[in-house]
Amino acid sequence: MSNMDEQDQLDPTINRHESRKRTEIESQLTSAEEQELRRAHRNLRFENEHYLRSHPEVLQMISLAIQHILEVKPEESQIEQTYVQFLSREDLKELVNKSVNNLS
């Protein structure tokens, strides 16, 4: 399973919303425009997945930040601040590198 598929499964509501938006937009397009839009969307997903596979530290950083949020369980009004504080840690690069190395 690809990283993008894993992310899609984490929040299926995003996919339903994107699918609904895409359907609304596509209903206003010609067949050629619809095909071009789908091709562009496929290419963007491919490029994004390629980038993430080339940079495992990005997904690991996100994973560590989510793990931190789940451990701390901040109040709703503090989630963003907690996330920003985690990503602002001076040792973040070291933490991410260590985590990526443990995956290898």
Protein backbone atom coordinates (compact mmCIF):
# COMPACT_ATOMS: atom_id res chain seq x y z
CA MET A 1 0.00 0.00 0.00
CA SER A 2 1.39 3.40 -0.91
CA ASN A 3 1.86 6.22 1.58
CA MET A 4 -0.84 8.22 -0.19
CA ASP A 5 -3.29 5.28 0.16
CA GLU A 6 -2.45 5.08 3.87
CA GLN A 7 -3.13 8.79 4.26
CA ASP A 8 -6.40 8.46 2.33
CA GLN A 9 -7.53 5.71 4.71
CA LEU A 10 -6.73 7.86 7.74
CA ASP A 11 -9.36 10.42 6.79
CA PRO A 12 -11.89 9.05 4.30
CA THR A 13 -14.05 12.17 4.73
CA ILE A 14 -11.43 14.13 2.79
CA ASN A 15 -11.75 11.74 -0.15
CA ARG A 16 -15.56 11.91 -0.10
CA HIS A 17 -15.40 15.71 -0.07
CA GLU A 18 -12.79 15.83 -2.85
CA SER A 19 -14.75 13.29 -4.86
CA ARG A 20 -17.94 15.33 -4.52
CA LYS A 21 -16.13 18.54 -5.50
CA ARG A 22 -14.49 16.79 -8.44
CA THR A 23 -17.85 15.41 -9.61
CA GLU A 24 -19.44 18.87 -9.45
CA ILE A 25 -16.58 20.40 -11.44
CA GLU A 26 -16.47 17.54 -13.95
CA SER A 27 -20.20 17.88 -14.66
CA GLN A 28 -19.43 21.36 -16.05
CA LEU A 29 -16.55 20.19 -18.27
CA THR A 30 -16.41 18.80 -21.76
CA SER A 31 -15.24 15.22 -22.16
CA ALA A 32 -11.77 16.37 -23.29
CA GLU A 33 -11.48 18.78 -20.36
CA GLU A 34 -12.58 16.06 -17.96
CA GLN A 35 -9.94 13.67 -19.33
CA GLU A 36 -7.26 16.36 -19.06
CA LEU A 37 -8.30 17.15 -15.49
CA ARG A 38 -8.13 13.48 -14.51
CA ARG A 39 -4.72 13.13 -16.19
CA ALA A 40 -3.42 16.21 -14.37
CA HIS A 41 -4.79 14.92 -11.07
CA ARG A 42 -3.17 11.51 -11.61
CA ASN A 43 0.15 13.15 -12.49
CA LEU A 44 0.02 15.37 -9.41
CA ARG A 45 -0.64 12.38 -7.14
CA PHE A 46 2.22 10.49 -8.82
CA GLU A 47 4.60 13.45 -8.40
CA ASN A 48 3.59 13.92 -4.76
CA GLU A 49 4.01 10.23 -4.00
CA HIS A 50 7.39 10.20 -5.73
CA TYR A 51 8.50 13.21 -3.69
CA LEU A 52 7.37 11.63 -0.43
CA ARG A 53 9.11 8.35 -1.28
CA SER A 54 12.28 10.32 -2.04
CA HIS A 55 12.02 12.23 1.24
CA PRO A 56 10.96 9.79 3.99
CA GLU A 57 11.83 12.44 6.55
CA VAL A 58 8.74 14.43 5.53
CA LEU A 59 6.33 11.61 6.34
CA GLN A 60 8.31 10.74 9.45
CA MET A 61 8.13 14.33 10.66
CA ILE A 62 4.36 14.35 10.15
CA SER A 63 4.06 10.97 11.85
CA LEU A 64 6.08 12.13 14.86
CA ALA A 65 4.03 15.31 15.14
CA ILE A 66 0.76 13.36 15.07
CA GLN A 67 2.14 10.89 17.60
CA HIS A 68 3.06 13.83 19.85
CA ILE A 69 -0.44 15.30 19.56
CA LEU A 70 -1.99 11.94 20.45
CA GLU A 71 0.31 11.55 23.45
CA VAL A 72 -0.26 15.09 24.76
CA LYS A 73 -3.98 15.21 23.86
CA PRO A 74 -4.23 19.00 24.03
CA GLU A 75 -7.57 20.74 24.28
CA GLU A 76 -9.07 21.60 20.89
CA SER A 77 -8.06 25.25 21.22
CA GLN A 78 -4.42 24.21 21.83
CA ILE A 79 -3.93 21.63 19.07
CA GLU A 80 -2.48 24.06 16.54
CA GLN A 81 -0.17 25.65 19.09
CA THR A 82 1.00 22.22 20.29
CA TYR A 83 1.68 21.17 16.70
CA VAL A 84 3.63 24.35 15.96
CA GLN A 85 5.65 23.98 19.17
CA PHE A 86 6.53 20.41 18.24
CA LEU A 87 7.64 21.43 14.74
CA SER A 88 9.69 24.29 16.25
CA ARG A 89 11.75 22.01 18.49
CA GLU A 90 15.47 22.65 18.21
CA ASP A 91 16.14 18.91 18.13
CA LEU A 92 13.50 18.12 15.50
CA LYS A 93 15.99 17.40 12.73
CA GLU A 94 17.92 15.02 14.98
CA LEU A 95 14.70 13.36 16.16
CA VAL A 96 13.45 12.88 12.59
CA ASN A 97 16.81 11.56 11.34
CA LYS A 98 17.00 9.09 14.21
CA SER A 99 13.45 7.94 13.50
CA VAL A 100 14.11 7.57 9.74
CA ASN A 101 17.31 5.61 10.47
CA ASN A 102 15.35 3.27 12.74
CA LEU A 103 13.03 2.53 9.79
CA SER A 104 15.93 1.43 7.60
